[in-house]
Amino acid sequence: MQNTQYGPLGFYINGEWIYRSDGPQLEVYDPATGDVLAPLPRATPEELDRAAAAANAAFPAWKALTALERSRILRKAADLIRERADQIAPLMTREQGKPVAQSRIELMVSADTFDWCAEEGRRVYGRSIPSPVKDMEVRVARLPVGPVAAFTPWNLPAMMPARKIGAALASGCTVVIKPAEETPAAALAIVRALHDAGLPKGVVNVVFGVPGEVSSHLIAHPAIRKITFTGSTAVGQHLAKLASDAGVKRCTMELGGHAPVLILDDADIDLAVSTLVPSKFRNAGQICISPTRFYVHDSLHDRFVDQFAAATSRLVVGNGLDTATNIGPMANSRRTAAMDNLINDAVSAGASLKMGGERIGNRGNFFQPTVVTDVPVSAKIMNEEPFGPVAVTARFSSLDDVITQANRLPFGLAAYAFTSATKNVRRLSEEVEAGLLGINNVAVSHPEAPFGGVKMSGYGSEGGIEGMDPYLVTKTVTVA
């Protein structure tokens, strides 16, 4: 087992680290033990105002830097994250629960994200338009929108802040970020790398508190020009309304999903199982793009389930700091309670419990990796994102029917399919309603590619050149 010192925790406002033991406090828990890791101060309204004011004051100078100057800071921060990964990863595991190897990979992806944003920020081009009027120049400029309020979740506590901060800074924006209170240390480590890389004061500010209070205060603040949020659909809808009420502030919303997996009759079952098992149970299934609804052709269903369950049974559940662990605890007790409810409901509705389905022990938030088969469409788990270590299956007999089932819900973040026929690939690409589609693979998230959903899974993209757009305004300039 690895051992690491956790805390102290605080804020980062106008280039200063703020630690205090007075005033309102929250507590950060270890999901593997239930023990308190450290107290976390709650920002007061005055501290939130200071953070927004610092971002606003820093914006003109940060915007005025060359893209190359901003790029150098981001790239240096990326190098520092890589150098410190072995120290940061155990902190992330202690607060979030995921195996330490997965924490380290997340930090490497976070560093890669900074690198990519650093370089793409140097390619934020405008354009010149042939003028319809003689002796007039017409050009288009892309300019940073201004200070950004960012809100990130607990499941990817380094990568989500890196995505939002990297694109914002590379575009010339400044940031006030409220990471998840359950997992503050990882986000603070990302920001510390920026601080040590020479980030000017006020360009990034970090606060914590009661989520509803912080988001409503920051979104309404006159300095904030843009909101970016990753989290549940319900909260995203609420924040979008606040942004509209505060002056039609632009938003990027990366919201929930319920990813279907289509195993067609010509699928390579060995490939599907070896690919899907580690993806399904990564981070104990607490990933917004986690494969969840497994629709398997009737001719392959029982074989697929048997192989999937056999591979799942070999996974090791335990403390994420133990290098033998494949699945750590769920991040909080709310998730284990949700698993109990959804699985019991599915079985009551007529589904079969193939394996798992129960909590493990009486300390921490451990839950057995679970497979539930022949789940009826009426079961709650077929309609609500479980966000946990459970795979549910249903049978289908025709491509028309399975596409209908895949598109049935109002969500459309990620989807997956396994097939060997080119004609199926073409049809799935056109007809499956999702912002991300992996065919014969699950690698749908890359710094170089846009990431986002359709329908109630949100709007706007993060990653790729499309991920820079939300942080830029377009201005047409005519010169006679």
Protein backbone atom coordinates (compact mmCIF):
# COMPACT_ATOMS: atom_id res chain seq x y z
CA MET A 1 0.00 0.00 0.00
CA GLN A 2 1.23 3.50 -0.79
CA ASN A 3 1.17 6.13 1.89
CA THR A 4 0.88 9.83 1.27
CA GLN A 5 0.17 13.00 3.20
CA TYR A 6 -3.16 14.56 2.31
CA GLY A 7 -3.85 18.27 2.73
CA PRO A 8 -3.91 20.99 3.82
CA LEU A 9 -6.63 22.28 1.49
CA GLY A 10 -7.53 25.82 0.62
CA PHE A 11 -8.26 28.35 -2.12
CA TYR A 12 -6.15 29.97 -4.80
CA ILE A 13 -7.14 33.58 -5.41
CA ASN A 14 -5.14 36.23 -7.27
CA GLY A 15 -1.99 34.14 -7.23
CA GLU A 16 -2.09 33.44 -3.47
CA TRP A 17 -2.73 30.18 -1.63
CA ILE A 18 -5.26 30.75 1.12
CA TYR A 19 -5.51 28.32 4.03
CA ARG A 20 -7.75 28.99 7.00
CA SER A 21 -9.20 26.99 9.84
CA ASP A 22 -11.83 29.53 10.85
CA GLY A 23 -15.18 30.03 9.16
CA PRO A 24 -17.42 27.44 7.52
CA GLN A 25 -15.79 24.12 6.65
CA LEU A 26 -16.58 20.99 4.65
CA GLU A 27 -14.92 17.60 5.08
CA VAL A 28 -13.23 15.41 2.48
CA TYR A 29 -13.63 11.66 2.99
CA ASP A 30 -11.63 8.63 1.92
CA PRO A 31 -14.16 6.46 0.04
CA ALA A 32 -12.17 3.32 0.86
CA THR A 33 -12.39 3.79 4.62
CA GLY A 34 -14.94 6.48 5.35
CA ASP A 35 -12.30 8.39 7.31
CA VAL A 36 -12.02 12.17 7.11
CA LEU A 37 -8.97 13.14 5.06
CA ALA A 38 -8.96 16.87 5.71
CA PRO A 39 -11.22 19.87 6.27
CA LEU A 40 -12.01 22.03 3.26
CA PRO A 41 -12.89 25.70 3.74
CA ARG A 42 -16.08 27.04 2.18
CA ALA A 43 -15.72 30.27 0.29
CA THR A 44 -17.63 33.24 1.61
CA PRO A 45 -19.48 35.56 -0.80
CA GLU A 46 -16.65 38.06 -0.29
CA GLU A 47 -14.06 35.46 -1.33
CA LEU A 48 -16.10 34.56 -4.42
CA ASP A 49 -16.21 38.25 -5.33
CA ARG A 50 -12.45 38.50 -4.86
CA ALA A 51 -11.89 35.54 -7.17
CA ALA A 52 -14.15 36.96 -9.90
CA ALA A 53 -12.59 40.40 -9.53
CA ALA A 54 -9.09 38.90 -9.78
CA ALA A 55 -10.01 37.08 -13.01
CA ASN A 56 -11.51 40.27 -14.40
CA ALA A 57 -8.49 42.39 -13.48
CA ALA A 58 -6.06 39.86 -14.96
CA PHE A 59 -7.95 39.45 -18.23
CA PRO A 60 -6.62 42.46 -20.21
CA ALA A 61 -2.98 41.60 -19.62
CA TRP A 62 -3.46 37.87 -20.23
CA LYS A 63 -5.39 38.59 -23.41
CA ALA A 64 -2.60 40.91 -24.55
CA LEU A 65 0.09 38.25 -24.27
CA THR A 66 1.05 36.55 -27.48
CA ALA A 67 -0.32 33.08 -28.08
CA LEU A 68 3.27 31.83 -27.89
CA GLU A 69 3.76 33.33 -24.42
CA ARG A 70 0.59 31.69 -23.15
CA SER A 71 1.63 28.45 -24.83
CA ARG A 72 4.95 28.34 -23.00
CA ILE A 73 3.27 28.54 -19.59
CA LEU A 74 0.82 25.76 -20.41
CA ARG A 75 3.57 23.52 -21.75
CA LYS A 76 5.73 24.09 -18.69
CA ALA A 77 2.77 23.24 -16.45
CA ALA A 78 2.23 20.05 -18.46
CA ASP A 79 5.84 19.03 -17.85
CA LEU A 80 5.44 19.69 -14.11
CA ILE A 81 2.31 17.53 -13.95
CA ARG A 82 4.23 14.67 -15.54
CA GLU A 83 7.15 15.13 -13.14
CA ARG A 84 4.80 15.12 -10.14
CA ALA A 85 2.42 12.39 -11.28
CA ASP A 86 3.74 9.80 -8.85
CA GLN A 87 3.08 12.19 -5.95
CA ILE A 88 -0.31 13.48 -7.15
CA ALA A 89 -1.82 10.13 -8.20
CA PRO A 90 -2.08 8.69 -4.66
CA LEU A 91 -3.78 11.91 -3.50
CA MET A 92 -6.38 11.52 -6.23
CA THR A 93 -6.90 7.88 -5.31
CA ARG A 94 -7.35 8.69 -1.63
CA GLU A 95 -10.06 11.25 -2.30
CA GLN A 96 -11.77 9.62 -5.29
CA GLY A 97 -11.12 5.89 -4.90
CA LYS A 98 -9.95 4.87 -8.38
CA PRO A 99 -6.90 2.59 -8.65
CA VAL A 100 -3.69 4.55 -8.48
CA ALA A 101 -2.66 3.36 -11.96
CA GLN A 102 -5.83 4.94 -13.36
CA SER A 103 -5.10 8.14 -11.43
CA ARG A 104 -1.66 8.31 -12.98
CA ILE A 105 -3.04 7.79 -16.49
CA GLU A 106 -5.54 10.59 -15.88
CA LEU A 107 -2.69 12.92 -14.94
CA MET A 108 -0.80 12.02 -18.11
CA VAL A 109 -3.91 12.79 -20.16
CA SER A 110 -4.28 16.08 -18.28
CA ALA A 111 -0.71 17.02 -19.20
CA ASP A 112 -1.32 16.03 -22.82
CA THR A 113 -4.44 18.21 -22.81
CA PHE A 114 -2.41 21.23 -21.67
CA ASP A 115 0.15 20.53 -24.39
CA TRP A 116 -2.48 20.26 -27.10
CA CYS A 117 -4.29 23.41 -25.99
CA ALA A 118 -0.97 25.25 -25.81
CA GLU A 119 -0.26 24.47 -29.43
CA GLU A 120 -3.81 24.94 -30.72
CA GLY A 121 -3.95 28.37 -29.06
CA ARG A 122 -1.23 29.41 -31.52
CA ARG A 123 -3.57 28.52 -34.38
CA VAL A 124 -6.62 30.58 -33.43
CA TYR A 125 -6.83 32.25 -36.81
CA GLY A 126 -9.10 34.92 -38.18
CA ARG A 127 -9.56 35.39 -41.91
CA SER A 128 -9.68 37.98 -44.64
CA ILE A 129 -12.81 38.16 -46.79
CA PRO A 130 -12.81 39.48 -50.36
CA SER A 131 -14.69 42.74 -50.02
CA PRO A 132 -17.84 43.37 -52.06
CA VAL A 133 -17.06 47.09 -51.78
CA LYS A 134 -14.13 48.74 -53.56
CA ASP A 135 -11.35 50.07 -51.33
CA MET A 136 -12.66 48.29 -48.24
CA GLU A 137 -10.96 45.59 -46.17
CA VAL A 138 -13.19 42.95 -44.53
CA ARG A 139 -11.67 40.67 -41.94
CA VAL A 140 -12.83 38.34 -39.19
CA ALA A 141 -11.13 38.31 -35.80
CA ARG A 142 -11.38 35.62 -33.08
CA LEU A 143 -11.05 37.14 -29.61
CA PRO A 144 -11.27 35.73 -26.07
CA VAL A 145 -14.73 36.04 -24.54
CA GLY A 146 -13.48 37.07 -21.08
CA PRO A 147 -13.49 35.62 -17.54
CA VAL A 148 -14.92 32.10 -17.31
CA ALA A 149 -16.69 30.31 -14.45
CA ALA A 150 -15.91 26.59 -14.61
CA PHE A 151 -17.55 23.80 -12.63
CA THR A 152 -16.09 20.28 -12.67
CA PRO A 153 -17.18 16.89 -11.24
CA TRP A 154 -15.58 14.41 -8.85
CA ASN A 155 -15.18 11.44 -11.20
CA LEU A 156 -12.27 12.85 -13.24
CA PRO A 157 -10.86 15.39 -10.79
CA ALA A 158 -7.72 16.25 -12.79
CA MET A 159 -8.75 15.79 -16.41
CA MET A 160 -11.94 17.84 -16.23
CA PRO A 161 -10.21 20.92 -14.76
CA ALA A 162 -7.37 20.49 -17.26
CA ARG A 163 -9.80 20.44 -20.20
CA LYS A 164 -11.57 23.61 -19.16
CA ILE A 165 -8.56 25.54 -17.89
CA GLY A 166 -6.36 24.54 -20.83
CA ALA A 167 -8.78 25.68 -23.53
CA ALA A 168 -9.70 28.86 -21.67
CA LEU A 169 -6.11 29.96 -21.04
CA ALA A 170 -4.94 29.08 -24.54
CA SER A 171 -7.78 31.20 -25.93
CA GLY A 172 -6.77 34.19 -23.81
CA CYS A 173 -9.49 33.88 -21.15
CA THR A 174 -9.11 33.93 -17.38
CA VAL A 175 -10.86 31.46 -15.05
CA VAL A 176 -12.59 31.01 -11.73
CA ILE A 177 -13.01 27.29 -11.19
CA LYS A 178 -14.99 25.41 -8.58
CA PRO A 179 -13.85 21.81 -8.65
CA ALA A 180 -15.84 19.13 -6.85
CA GLU A 181 -15.63 19.41 -3.08
CA GLU A 182 -15.25 15.61 -2.79
CA THR A 183 -11.98 15.68 -4.75
CA PRO A 184 -10.18 18.99 -4.25
CA ALA A 185 -6.53 17.90 -4.03
CA ALA A 186 -6.19 16.76 -7.65
CA ALA A 187 -7.52 20.03 -9.03
CA LEU A 188 -5.33 22.04 -6.68
CA ALA A 189 -2.31 20.08 -7.88
CA ILE A 190 -3.14 20.95 -11.50
CA VAL A 191 -3.38 24.63 -10.59
CA ARG A 192 -0.18 24.48 -8.53
CA ALA A 193 1.63 23.29 -11.66
CA LEU A 194 0.34 26.38 -13.48
CA HIS A 195 1.39 28.61 -10.57
CA ASP A 196 4.89 27.13 -10.55
CA ALA A 197 5.07 27.48 -14.34
CA GLY A 198 4.79 31.25 -13.94
CA LEU A 199 1.08 31.89 -14.46
CA PRO A 200 0.36 35.58 -13.73
CA LYS A 201 -1.74 36.47 -10.72
CA GLY A 202 -5.50 36.24 -11.14
CA VAL A 203 -5.48 34.29 -14.39
CA VAL A 204 -6.77 31.17 -12.63
CA ASN A 205 -8.61 31.20 -9.30
CA VAL A 206 -9.89 28.19 -7.32
CA VAL A 207 -12.74 28.22 -4.81
CA PHE A 208 -14.86 25.63 -3.00
CA GLY A 209 -18.16 25.73 -1.14
CA VAL A 210 -21.77 24.63 -1.24
CA PRO A 211 -22.19 23.98 -4.99
CA GLY A 212 -25.54 25.72 -5.42
CA GLU A 213 -24.39 28.80 -3.54
CA VAL A 214 -21.08 29.08 -5.42
CA SER A 215 -22.56 28.53 -8.88
CA SER A 216 -25.42 30.98 -8.43
CA HIS A 217 -23.06 33.65 -7.07
CA LEU A 218 -20.41 33.28 -9.77
CA ILE A 219 -22.82 32.97 -12.70
CA ALA A 220 -24.60 36.15 -11.63
CA HIS A 221 -21.34 38.06 -11.13
CA PRO A 222 -21.00 40.81 -13.78
CA ALA A 223 -17.35 39.94 -14.44
CA ILE A 224 -18.16 36.42 -15.63
CA ARG A 225 -18.74 36.15 -19.40
CA LYS A 226 -18.95 32.39 -19.92
CA ILE A 227 -19.95 29.25 -17.99
CA THR A 228 -18.63 25.75 -18.56
CA PHE A 229 -20.05 22.81 -16.63
CA THR A 230 -19.62 19.05 -16.55
CA GLY A 231 -22.12 17.08 -14.50
CA SER A 232 -25.69 15.87 -14.36
CA THR A 233 -28.38 16.92 -16.79
CA ALA A 234 -30.59 18.28 -14.02
CA VAL A 235 -27.88 20.56 -12.64
CA GLY A 236 -26.86 21.60 -16.16
CA GLN A 237 -30.40 22.68 -16.95
CA HIS A 238 -30.47 24.75 -13.76
CA LEU A 239 -27.13 26.44 -14.48
CA ALA A 240 -28.14 27.20 -18.07
CA LYS A 241 -31.23 28.96 -16.75
CA LEU A 242 -29.10 30.95 -14.29
CA ALA A 243 -26.80 31.93 -17.14
CA SER A 244 -29.75 33.11 -19.21
CA ASP A 245 -31.18 35.09 -16.31
CA ALA A 246 -27.78 36.68 -15.66
CA GLY A 247 -27.58 38.23 -19.11
CA VAL A 248 -27.62 35.46 -21.72
CA LYS A 249 -24.11 34.31 -20.85
CA ARG A 250 -22.74 31.67 -23.17
CA CYS A 251 -22.48 28.11 -21.85
CA THR A 252 -20.82 24.82 -22.58
CA MET A 253 -22.75 21.93 -21.03
CA GLU A 254 -21.27 18.42 -20.90
CA LEU A 255 -24.05 16.48 -19.21
CA GLY A 256 -25.11 12.94 -18.41
CA GLY A 257 -25.47 9.97 -20.71
CA HIS A 258 -26.54 6.33 -20.68
CA ALA A 259 -24.26 4.83 -23.30
CA PRO A 260 -25.71 2.01 -25.40
CA VAL A 261 -23.52 -0.80 -26.71
CA LEU A 262 -24.73 -2.57 -29.85
CA ILE A 263 -23.31 -6.08 -30.30
CA LEU A 264 -24.42 -7.03 -33.81
CA ASP A 265 -24.71 -10.58 -35.10
CA ASP A 266 -21.40 -10.35 -36.98
CA ALA A 267 -19.43 -8.95 -34.01
CA ASP A 268 -16.10 -10.34 -32.85
CA ILE A 269 -17.17 -11.47 -29.37
CA ASP A 270 -13.64 -11.95 -28.08
CA LEU A 271 -12.75 -8.39 -29.12
CA ALA A 272 -15.96 -7.00 -27.65
CA VAL A 273 -15.44 -8.65 -24.26
CA SER A 274 -11.74 -7.81 -23.96
CA THR A 275 -12.49 -4.19 -24.90
CA LEU A 276 -15.67 -3.61 -22.94
CA VAL A 277 -14.90 -5.19 -19.55
CA PRO A 278 -12.05 -2.82 -18.60
CA SER A 279 -13.97 0.14 -20.03
CA LYS A 280 -17.19 -0.70 -18.19
CA PHE A 281 -15.49 -1.06 -14.82
CA ARG A 282 -12.92 1.73 -15.15
CA ASN A 283 -13.32 4.07 -12.21
CA ALA A 284 -16.00 1.68 -10.89
CA GLY A 285 -18.22 2.64 -13.80
CA GLN A 286 -18.29 6.27 -12.70
CA ILE A 287 -17.55 7.74 -16.13
CA CYS A 288 -20.08 9.67 -18.18
CA ILE A 289 -19.12 7.72 -21.31
CA SER A 290 -19.06 4.33 -19.57
CA PRO A 291 -20.73 1.60 -21.67
CA THR A 292 -23.91 0.74 -19.83
CA ARG A 293 -26.87 -0.57 -21.88
CA PHE A 294 -25.63 -3.69 -23.66
CA TYR A 295 -27.91 -4.65 -26.56
CA VAL A 296 -26.74 -8.04 -27.80
CA HIS A 297 -28.06 -9.89 -30.84
CA ASP A 298 -30.13 -12.86 -29.73
CA SER A 299 -27.83 -15.31 -31.51
CA LEU A 300 -24.83 -14.10 -29.46
CA HIS A 301 -26.40 -12.98 -26.20
CA ASP A 302 -25.75 -15.97 -23.95
CA ARG A 303 -22.22 -16.50 -25.23
CA PHE A 304 -21.40 -12.83 -24.78
CA VAL A 305 -22.82 -12.74 -21.25
CA ASP A 306 -20.93 -15.85 -20.19
CA GLN A 307 -17.61 -14.50 -21.49
CA PHE A 308 -18.26 -11.02 -20.12
CA ALA A 309 -19.12 -12.37 -16.67
CA ALA A 310 -16.08 -14.68 -16.65
CA ALA A 311 -13.76 -11.76 -17.48
CA THR A 312 -15.49 -9.57 -14.90
CA SER A 313 -15.04 -12.22 -12.18
CA ARG A 314 -11.28 -11.90 -12.55
CA LEU A 315 -11.28 -8.21 -11.59
CA VAL A 316 -9.96 -7.37 -8.13
CA VAL A 317 -11.94 -4.98 -5.95
CA GLY A 318 -10.01 -3.20 -3.22
CA ASN A 319 -8.35 -0.04 -1.97
CA GLY A 320 -7.12 1.93 -4.96
CA LEU A 321 -3.72 2.39 -3.35
CA ASP A 322 -3.12 -1.36 -3.63
CA THR A 323 -1.48 -1.95 -7.01
CA ALA A 324 -3.36 -5.27 -7.39
CA THR A 325 -6.71 -3.46 -7.44
CA ASN A 326 -8.71 -3.14 -10.67
CA ILE A 327 -11.83 -1.57 -9.14
CA GLY A 328 -11.72 0.81 -6.20
CA PRO A 329 -14.60 2.00 -4.04
CA MET A 330 -17.37 4.16 -5.37
CA ALA A 331 -16.74 7.81 -4.66
CA ASN A 332 -19.48 8.29 -2.08
CA SER A 333 -22.25 6.47 -0.25
CA ARG A 334 -24.89 8.04 -2.51
CA ARG A 335 -23.66 5.87 -5.36
CA THR A 336 -23.83 2.58 -3.44
CA ALA A 337 -27.39 3.41 -2.37
CA ALA A 338 -28.27 4.15 -6.00
CA MET A 339 -26.82 0.80 -7.09
CA ASP A 340 -28.94 -1.06 -4.53
CA ASN A 341 -32.06 0.70 -5.71
CA LEU A 342 -31.51 0.24 -9.44
CA ILE A 343 -30.45 -3.41 -9.30
CA ASN A 344 -33.28 -4.43 -6.96
CA ASP A 345 -35.75 -2.67 -9.21
CA ALA A 346 -34.43 -4.45 -12.30
CA VAL A 347 -34.68 -7.88 -10.68
CA SER A 348 -38.19 -7.08 -9.46
CA ALA A 349 -39.09 -6.15 -13.04
CA GLY A 350 -38.01 -9.59 -14.28
CA ALA A 351 -34.28 -9.25 -15.00
CA SER A 352 -31.78 -11.96 -14.01
CA LEU A 353 -28.84 -11.22 -11.74
CA LYS A 354 -25.91 -12.95 -13.42
CA MET A 355 -23.30 -11.86 -10.88
CA GLY A 356 -22.60 -9.30 -8.17
CA GLY A 357 -25.30 -6.96 -7.00
CA GLU A 358 -24.19 -6.35 -3.42
CA ARG A 359 -22.02 -4.08 -1.34
CA ILE A 360 -18.71 -5.44 -0.10
CA GLY A 361 -17.97 -5.18 3.62
CA ASN A 362 -19.21 -2.54 6.01
CA ARG A 363 -16.42 0.01 5.64
CA GLY A 364 -15.98 2.23 2.63
CA ASN A 365 -18.08 2.35 -0.54
CA PHE A 366 -17.16 -0.95 -2.16
CA PHE A 367 -19.62 -2.63 -4.52
CA GLN A 368 -19.38 -5.89 -6.44
CA PRO A 369 -18.97 -5.63 -10.21
CA THR A 370 -22.41 -6.59 -11.42
CA VAL A 371 -24.01 -8.05 -14.54
CA VAL A 372 -27.80 -8.05 -14.93
CA THR A 373 -29.30 -9.74 -17.99
CA ASP A 374 -32.55 -9.64 -19.95
CA VAL A 375 -33.49 -6.33 -18.40
CA PRO A 376 -36.92 -5.07 -19.48
CA VAL A 377 -37.20 -1.60 -20.96
CA SER A 378 -39.45 -0.58 -18.05
CA ALA A 379 -36.72 -1.07 -15.43
CA LYS A 380 -35.32 2.14 -14.01
CA ILE A 381 -31.75 1.14 -14.84
CA MET A 382 -32.67 1.08 -18.54
CA ASN A 383 -33.81 4.69 -18.27
CA GLU A 384 -31.53 6.26 -15.62
CA GLU A 385 -27.76 6.43 -15.87
CA PRO A 386 -26.47 4.07 -13.12
CA PHE A 387 -22.99 5.63 -12.90
CA GLY A 388 -21.61 2.56 -11.21
CA PRO A 389 -20.06 -0.91 -11.72
CA VAL A 390 -23.08 -2.53 -13.37
CA ALA A 391 -23.64 -3.76 -16.92
CA VAL A 392 -27.18 -4.52 -18.08
CA THR A 393 -28.11 -6.53 -21.16
CA ALA A 394 -31.10 -6.92 -23.44
CA ARG A 395 -31.62 -8.98 -26.58
CA PHE A 396 -32.49 -7.76 -30.07
CA SER A 397 -33.11 -9.42 -33.42
CA SER A 398 -32.88 -6.65 -36.04
CA LEU A 399 -30.70 -3.64 -36.70
CA ASP A 400 -33.77 -1.42 -37.00
CA ASP A 401 -34.95 -2.41 -33.54
CA VAL A 402 -31.59 -1.94 -31.82
CA ILE A 403 -31.03 1.50 -33.33
CA THR A 404 -34.48 2.45 -32.06
CA GLN A 405 -33.55 1.23 -28.58
CA ALA A 406 -30.19 3.02 -28.66
CA ASN A 407 -31.93 6.30 -29.54
CA ARG A 408 -34.93 5.82 -27.25
CA LEU A 409 -33.68 7.92 -24.35
CA PRO A 410 -33.34 11.71 -24.35
CA PHE A 411 -29.56 11.37 -23.80
CA GLY A 412 -26.88 11.20 -26.47
CA LEU A 413 -23.34 11.43 -25.16
CA ALA A 414 -21.45 8.22 -26.05
CA ALA A 415 -22.44 5.05 -27.89
CA TYR A 416 -20.53 1.95 -28.97
CA ALA A 417 -21.03 -0.80 -31.52
CA PHE A 418 -19.26 -3.98 -32.55
CA THR A 419 -19.67 -5.23 -36.11
CA SER A 420 -17.52 -6.44 -39.00
CA ALA A 421 -19.73 -5.21 -41.84
CA THR A 422 -18.97 -1.97 -43.65
CA LYS A 423 -22.65 -1.42 -44.42
CA ASN A 424 -23.43 -1.55 -40.69
CA VAL A 425 -20.66 0.93 -39.89
CA ARG A 426 -22.10 3.39 -42.39
CA ARG A 427 -25.62 3.08 -41.05
CA LEU A 428 -24.61 3.27 -37.38
CA SER A 429 -22.50 6.35 -38.07
CA GLU A 430 -25.48 8.11 -39.61
CA GLU A 431 -28.34 6.94 -37.39
CA VAL A 432 -27.11 6.48 -33.81
CA GLU A 433 -27.86 9.70 -31.93
CA ALA A 434 -24.72 10.44 -29.93
CA GLY A 435 -21.96 13.01 -29.87
CA LEU A 436 -19.37 10.21 -29.62
CA LEU A 437 -19.50 6.84 -31.35
CA GLY A 438 -16.88 4.12 -31.00
CA ILE A 439 -17.11 1.23 -33.47
CA ASN A 440 -15.08 -1.85 -32.49
CA ASN A 441 -13.36 0.28 -29.85
CA VAL A 442 -14.15 2.49 -26.86
CA ALA A 443 -11.48 5.18 -27.37
CA VAL A 444 -13.77 8.13 -28.03
CA SER A 445 -12.03 10.76 -25.88
CA HIS A 446 -8.82 12.45 -27.10
CA PRO A 447 -7.39 15.95 -26.59
CA GLU A 448 -7.30 16.35 -30.38
CA ALA A 449 -10.97 15.48 -30.95
CA PRO A 450 -14.20 17.23 -29.94
CA PHE A 451 -16.01 15.78 -26.93
CA GLY A 452 -19.68 16.53 -26.31
CA GLY A 453 -23.21 15.26 -26.52
CA VAL A 454 -26.53 15.81 -28.24
CA LYS A 455 -30.08 16.05 -26.97
CA MET A 456 -30.14 16.29 -23.15
CA SER A 457 -26.48 15.31 -22.89
CA GLY A 458 -25.58 18.93 -23.46
CA TYR A 459 -24.22 21.27 -26.08
CA GLY A 460 -20.86 22.64 -27.06
CA SER A 461 -17.62 20.69 -27.31
CA GLU A 462 -14.46 20.27 -25.29
CA GLY A 463 -11.32 19.08 -27.00
CA GLY A 464 -10.24 19.47 -30.59
CA ILE A 465 -10.39 22.74 -32.46
CA GLU A 466 -14.09 22.80 -31.61
CA GLY A 467 -13.18 22.98 -27.92
CA MET A 468 -11.59 26.39 -28.40
CA ASP A 469 -14.65 27.95 -30.04
CA PRO A 470 -16.75 28.45 -26.87
CA TYR A 471 -14.00 30.66 -25.41
CA LEU A 472 -13.82 32.93 -28.47
CA VAL A 473 -16.09 35.60 -29.87
CA THR A 474 -16.21 36.34 -33.57
CA LYS A 475 -15.85 39.95 -34.69
CA THR A 476 -16.22 41.26 -38.23
CA VAL A 477 -14.06 44.33 -38.92
CA THR A 478 -14.44 46.48 -42.01
CA VAL A 479 -11.87 49.14 -42.83
CA ALA A 480 -12.40 51.73 -45.58
